[in-house]
Each structure stands twice: as structure tokens, then as C-alpha cells.
N, C-alpha and C. Protein backbone atom coordinates (compact mmCIF):
# COMPACT_ATOMS: atom_id res chain seq x y z
N MET A 1 0.84 -1.18 0.00
CA MET A 1 0.00 0.00 0.00
C MET A 1 0.89 1.24 0.00
N GLU A 2 0.56 2.17 -0.86
CA GLU A 2 1.41 3.36 -0.95
C GLU A 2 1.01 4.40 0.09
N SER A 3 1.96 5.17 0.53
CA SER A 3 1.75 6.21 1.53
C SER A 3 1.32 7.50 0.83
N LEU A 4 0.21 8.08 1.28
CA LEU A 4 -0.29 9.32 0.68
C LEU A 4 -0.08 10.48 1.65
N SER A 5 0.20 11.64 1.14
CA SER A 5 0.37 12.81 1.99
C SER A 5 -0.90 13.67 1.99
N TYR A 6 -1.99 13.11 1.50
CA TYR A 6 -3.26 13.82 1.49
C TYR A 6 -4.39 12.80 1.58
N ASN A 7 -5.60 13.28 1.84
CA ASN A 7 -6.76 12.40 1.94
C ASN A 7 -7.56 12.52 0.64
N PRO A 8 -7.54 11.51 -0.19
CA PRO A 8 -8.25 11.59 -1.47
C PRO A 8 -9.77 11.56 -1.31
N ASN A 9 -10.27 11.26 -0.11
CA ASN A 9 -11.71 11.20 0.10
C ASN A 9 -12.32 12.53 0.52
N LEU A 10 -11.49 13.55 0.77
CA LEU A 10 -12.02 14.85 1.16
C LEU A 10 -12.73 15.49 -0.02
N VAL A 11 -13.85 16.13 0.26
CA VAL A 11 -14.58 16.86 -0.78
C VAL A 11 -13.80 18.14 -1.07
N PRO A 12 -13.64 18.50 -2.32
CA PRO A 12 -12.91 19.73 -2.65
C PRO A 12 -13.56 20.95 -1.99
N TRP A 13 -12.73 21.88 -1.55
CA TRP A 13 -13.22 23.10 -0.89
C TRP A 13 -13.94 23.97 -1.89
N GLU A 14 -15.07 24.53 -1.48
CA GLU A 14 -15.81 25.47 -2.32
C GLU A 14 -15.98 26.76 -1.55
N ARG A 15 -15.76 27.85 -2.24
CA ARG A 15 -15.95 29.17 -1.61
C ARG A 15 -17.43 29.32 -1.27
N PRO A 16 -17.73 29.75 -0.02
CA PRO A 16 -19.14 29.95 0.34
C PRO A 16 -19.75 31.07 -0.50
N ALA A 17 -20.94 30.85 -0.97
CA ALA A 17 -21.64 31.87 -1.75
C ALA A 17 -22.63 32.59 -0.84
N PRO A 18 -22.56 33.92 -0.77
CA PRO A 18 -23.50 34.64 0.09
C PRO A 18 -24.93 34.48 -0.42
N ASN A 19 -25.85 34.43 0.51
CA ASN A 19 -27.26 34.34 0.16
C ASN A 19 -27.76 35.75 -0.09
N ASN A 20 -28.11 36.05 -1.30
CA ASN A 20 -28.54 37.41 -1.65
C ASN A 20 -30.01 37.66 -1.38
N VAL A 21 -30.72 36.67 -0.87
CA VAL A 21 -32.14 36.82 -0.63
C VAL A 21 -32.46 36.94 0.85
N ALA A 22 -31.79 36.18 1.69
CA ALA A 22 -32.12 36.12 3.12
C ALA A 22 -32.05 37.49 3.76
N GLY A 23 -33.12 37.88 4.40
CA GLY A 23 -33.16 39.13 5.15
C GLY A 23 -33.28 40.37 4.30
N LYS A 24 -33.30 40.26 3.01
CA LYS A 24 -33.33 41.44 2.16
C LYS A 24 -34.61 42.23 2.45
N GLY A 25 -34.43 43.49 2.82
CA GLY A 25 -35.57 44.34 3.14
C GLY A 25 -36.10 44.16 4.54
N HIS A 26 -35.51 43.26 5.32
CA HIS A 26 -36.00 43.02 6.68
C HIS A 26 -35.03 43.48 7.75
N ILE A 27 -33.98 44.17 7.35
CA ILE A 27 -33.02 44.67 8.33
C ILE A 27 -33.54 46.00 8.85
N GLU A 28 -33.54 46.15 10.17
CA GLU A 28 -34.05 47.38 10.76
C GLU A 28 -33.11 48.53 10.48
N GLN A 29 -33.68 49.64 10.07
CA GLN A 29 -32.89 50.83 9.81
C GLN A 29 -32.86 51.69 11.06
N PRO A 30 -31.69 52.20 11.45
CA PRO A 30 -31.60 53.05 12.64
C PRO A 30 -32.58 54.22 12.56
N GLY A 31 -33.28 54.45 13.66
CA GLY A 31 -34.22 55.55 13.73
C GLY A 31 -35.57 55.26 13.10
N LYS A 32 -35.75 54.11 12.51
CA LYS A 32 -37.01 53.77 11.83
C LYS A 32 -37.82 52.74 12.60
N VAL A 33 -37.30 52.26 13.72
CA VAL A 33 -37.96 51.21 14.49
C VAL A 33 -38.39 51.79 15.83
N ALA A 34 -39.58 51.43 16.26
CA ALA A 34 -40.05 51.89 17.57
C ALA A 34 -39.12 51.39 18.66
N ASN A 35 -38.66 52.28 19.52
CA ASN A 35 -37.78 51.92 20.62
C ASN A 35 -38.62 51.83 21.88
N ILE A 36 -38.95 50.62 22.28
CA ILE A 36 -39.78 50.41 23.47
C ILE A 36 -38.87 50.43 24.68
N VAL A 37 -38.94 51.51 25.45
CA VAL A 37 -38.03 51.67 26.57
C VAL A 37 -38.41 50.76 27.73
N TRP A 38 -39.67 50.76 28.12
CA TRP A 38 -40.12 49.95 29.26
C TRP A 38 -40.84 48.74 28.70
N GLN A 39 -40.10 47.76 28.26
CA GLN A 39 -40.68 46.64 27.53
C GLN A 39 -41.64 45.80 28.37
N THR A 40 -41.42 45.70 29.66
CA THR A 40 -42.30 44.87 30.47
C THR A 40 -42.99 45.68 31.56
N ARG A 41 -43.01 46.98 31.42
CA ARG A 41 -43.61 47.83 32.45
C ARG A 41 -44.66 48.73 31.84
N ALA A 42 -45.58 49.17 32.68
CA ALA A 42 -46.59 50.12 32.23
C ALA A 42 -46.07 51.55 32.34
N ALA A 43 -45.03 51.75 33.17
CA ALA A 43 -44.49 53.10 33.40
C ALA A 43 -43.04 52.99 33.85
N ALA A 44 -42.41 54.14 33.94
CA ALA A 44 -41.03 54.19 34.44
C ALA A 44 -41.01 53.77 35.91
N PRO A 45 -39.88 53.26 36.41
CA PRO A 45 -39.80 52.88 37.82
C PRO A 45 -40.04 54.09 38.73
N SER A 46 -40.70 53.84 39.84
CA SER A 46 -40.94 54.89 40.83
C SER A 46 -39.65 55.16 41.61
N ALA A 47 -39.65 56.23 42.38
CA ALA A 47 -38.48 56.55 43.21
C ALA A 47 -38.22 55.40 44.19
N TYR A 48 -39.30 54.82 44.74
CA TYR A 48 -39.15 53.69 45.66
C TYR A 48 -38.50 52.50 44.96
N GLU A 49 -38.96 52.19 43.73
CA GLU A 49 -38.39 51.05 43.00
C GLU A 49 -36.92 51.28 42.67
N ASN A 50 -36.56 52.51 42.32
CA ASN A 50 -35.15 52.81 42.08
C ASN A 50 -34.33 52.66 43.36
N ALA A 51 -34.89 53.13 44.48
CA ALA A 51 -34.19 53.00 45.77
C ALA A 51 -34.06 51.52 46.15
N LEU A 52 -35.09 50.73 45.86
CA LEU A 52 -35.03 49.30 46.14
C LEU A 52 -33.91 48.65 45.32
N GLY A 53 -33.81 49.02 44.06
CA GLY A 53 -32.72 48.51 43.22
C GLY A 53 -31.36 48.87 43.78
N ASP A 54 -31.22 50.12 44.21
CA ASP A 54 -29.94 50.55 44.80
C ASP A 54 -29.64 49.77 46.08
N ALA A 55 -30.69 49.56 46.91
CA ALA A 55 -30.50 48.82 48.16
C ALA A 55 -30.12 47.37 47.88
N LEU A 56 -30.72 46.78 46.85
CA LEU A 56 -30.36 45.40 46.48
C LEU A 56 -28.90 45.33 46.03
N GLU A 57 -28.47 46.29 45.22
CA GLU A 57 -27.07 46.31 44.79
C GLU A 57 -26.14 46.40 45.98
N SER A 58 -26.46 47.28 46.92
CA SER A 58 -25.62 47.43 48.12
C SER A 58 -25.59 46.15 48.93
N ALA A 59 -26.75 45.50 49.06
CA ALA A 59 -26.82 44.26 49.83
C ALA A 59 -25.94 43.19 49.19
N PHE A 60 -26.03 43.04 47.88
CA PHE A 60 -25.21 42.03 47.20
C PHE A 60 -23.73 42.38 47.24
N GLU A 61 -23.41 43.66 47.12
CA GLU A 61 -22.01 44.08 47.24
C GLU A 61 -21.48 43.79 48.64
N GLY A 62 -22.37 43.83 49.63
CA GLY A 62 -21.99 43.54 51.00
C GLY A 62 -21.93 42.06 51.32
N GLY A 63 -22.20 41.22 50.33
CA GLY A 63 -22.07 39.78 50.53
C GLY A 63 -23.37 39.02 50.74
N ALA A 64 -24.52 39.68 50.61
CA ALA A 64 -25.80 38.99 50.79
C ALA A 64 -25.94 37.87 49.77
N GLN A 65 -26.42 36.72 50.26
CA GLN A 65 -26.56 35.56 49.38
C GLN A 65 -27.94 34.93 49.43
N ASN A 66 -28.78 35.38 50.34
CA ASN A 66 -30.12 34.81 50.45
C ASN A 66 -31.06 35.89 50.98
N PRO A 67 -32.37 35.63 50.97
CA PRO A 67 -33.32 36.66 51.42
C PRO A 67 -33.06 37.16 52.85
N GLN A 68 -32.66 36.27 53.75
CA GLN A 68 -32.39 36.71 55.12
C GLN A 68 -31.26 37.74 55.14
N ASP A 69 -30.20 37.49 54.37
CA ASP A 69 -29.08 38.43 54.30
C ASP A 69 -29.53 39.77 53.74
N ILE A 70 -30.37 39.73 52.73
CA ILE A 70 -30.85 40.96 52.10
C ILE A 70 -31.68 41.76 53.09
N VAL A 71 -32.58 41.09 53.80
CA VAL A 71 -33.42 41.75 54.80
C VAL A 71 -32.55 42.39 55.88
N ARG A 72 -31.53 41.67 56.34
CA ARG A 72 -30.62 42.23 57.34
C ARG A 72 -29.94 43.49 56.82
N ALA A 73 -29.48 43.43 55.56
CA ALA A 73 -28.79 44.58 54.97
C ALA A 73 -29.74 45.77 54.82
N PHE A 74 -30.97 45.52 54.39
CA PHE A 74 -31.94 46.61 54.24
C PHE A 74 -32.19 47.27 55.59
N ASN A 75 -32.46 46.47 56.61
CA ASN A 75 -32.77 47.02 57.93
C ASN A 75 -31.57 47.73 58.54
N ALA A 76 -30.37 47.19 58.34
CA ALA A 76 -29.16 47.84 58.87
C ALA A 76 -28.92 49.18 58.20
N ALA A 77 -29.29 49.29 56.92
CA ALA A 77 -29.09 50.54 56.18
C ALA A 77 -30.23 51.52 56.41
N GLY A 78 -31.30 51.09 57.10
CA GLY A 78 -32.44 51.96 57.34
C GLY A 78 -33.37 52.09 56.14
N PHE A 79 -33.26 51.17 55.19
CA PHE A 79 -34.15 51.20 54.03
C PHE A 79 -35.45 50.50 54.40
N LEU A 80 -36.56 51.23 54.33
CA LEU A 80 -37.86 50.71 54.75
C LEU A 80 -38.70 50.26 53.56
N THR A 81 -39.76 49.50 53.85
CA THR A 81 -40.69 49.07 52.81
C THR A 81 -41.44 50.29 52.27
N ALA A 82 -42.24 50.09 51.23
CA ALA A 82 -43.01 51.18 50.63
C ALA A 82 -43.98 51.80 51.64
N ASP A 83 -44.43 51.00 52.63
CA ASP A 83 -45.33 51.54 53.66
C ASP A 83 -44.58 51.88 54.95
N SER A 84 -43.28 52.16 54.81
CA SER A 84 -42.42 52.64 55.91
C SER A 84 -42.30 51.66 57.07
N GLN A 85 -42.31 50.38 56.78
CA GLN A 85 -42.13 49.36 57.80
C GLN A 85 -40.76 48.73 57.65
N PRO A 86 -40.21 48.17 58.74
CA PRO A 86 -38.96 47.42 58.60
C PRO A 86 -39.21 46.17 57.76
N TRP A 87 -38.18 45.69 57.12
CA TRP A 87 -38.30 44.52 56.25
C TRP A 87 -38.33 43.23 57.05
N THR A 88 -39.14 42.28 56.57
CA THR A 88 -39.09 40.90 57.04
C THR A 88 -38.88 40.05 55.78
N GLU A 89 -38.51 38.81 55.97
CA GLU A 89 -38.31 37.95 54.81
C GLU A 89 -39.60 37.80 54.01
N GLU A 90 -40.74 37.68 54.71
CA GLU A 90 -42.02 37.53 54.03
C GLU A 90 -42.35 38.76 53.20
N ARG A 91 -42.11 39.95 53.77
CA ARG A 91 -42.37 41.19 53.03
C ARG A 91 -41.47 41.29 51.81
N PHE A 92 -40.20 40.93 51.98
CA PHE A 92 -39.27 41.01 50.86
C PHE A 92 -39.70 40.09 49.73
N LEU A 93 -40.00 38.83 50.04
CA LEU A 93 -40.40 37.88 49.01
C LEU A 93 -41.71 38.30 48.34
N SER A 94 -42.63 38.83 49.13
CA SER A 94 -43.90 39.31 48.57
C SER A 94 -43.66 40.48 47.61
N GLU A 95 -42.76 41.38 47.99
CA GLU A 95 -42.45 42.53 47.13
C GLU A 95 -41.77 42.09 45.84
N MET A 96 -40.89 41.10 45.92
CA MET A 96 -40.23 40.60 44.71
C MET A 96 -41.25 39.94 43.78
N ARG A 97 -42.23 39.22 44.36
CA ARG A 97 -43.28 38.62 43.53
C ARG A 97 -44.13 39.71 42.87
N ARG A 98 -44.47 40.74 43.65
CA ARG A 98 -45.30 41.82 43.11
C ARG A 98 -44.59 42.54 41.97
N LEU A 99 -43.33 42.85 42.16
CA LEU A 99 -42.59 43.59 41.13
C LEU A 99 -42.25 42.71 39.93
N GLY A 100 -42.16 41.42 40.14
CA GLY A 100 -41.83 40.52 39.04
C GLY A 100 -43.04 40.07 38.24
N ALA A 101 -44.24 40.42 38.71
CA ALA A 101 -45.46 39.98 38.02
C ALA A 101 -45.65 40.70 36.70
């Protein structure tokens, strides 16, 4: 059997041909498409919701890993619920469900 330096069974290489039809006329043009800012909301976040987001970031930066840790961080920072009550785990989970709905 002779030794070959190539594989004779390989299919010859063909240059890929671009598809001139796919997507033609369907590419969004800048400034021509509606920009939906609040895709899953009826309105912009309230001041409370923004403060809650900031408090969550601080809690996670401080090492919070579960709801109990987050509640501890909120209460230690003096961040109160929307009705000005201290946080409990039940209130926190309920608020996350409400905001995530």
C-alpha cells in the first residue's frame, strides 16, 4: 500500500456563496424602528423602585446571598418598605413577587 500525503476522500473546498435573498428588506434601519423603553412595564420605575434597586445592589455588594441576608442589609441601612415598615423575609419575598409579576 502506498503512503499518501493527502486524503483523497475529502470533498474539494468550495468558496461559500452569500445568500442574496435572506433578510433582504427586513433589516431594521436606525431611527425607523419603535424603541420600546419599558418593555415589560406600564411606566417608568418609581423613586421607591429605584431605591429598592440601589438597596439590592448594596446588599449584594456587602455579601448577601439569600433573602435573610438581604433583609438584614436593608434594615441595617435603614431602608424601609413602601409603607415605611422594617423589612421581614415575608415582606421582601412578597415585594419581589409583586414587582416581578
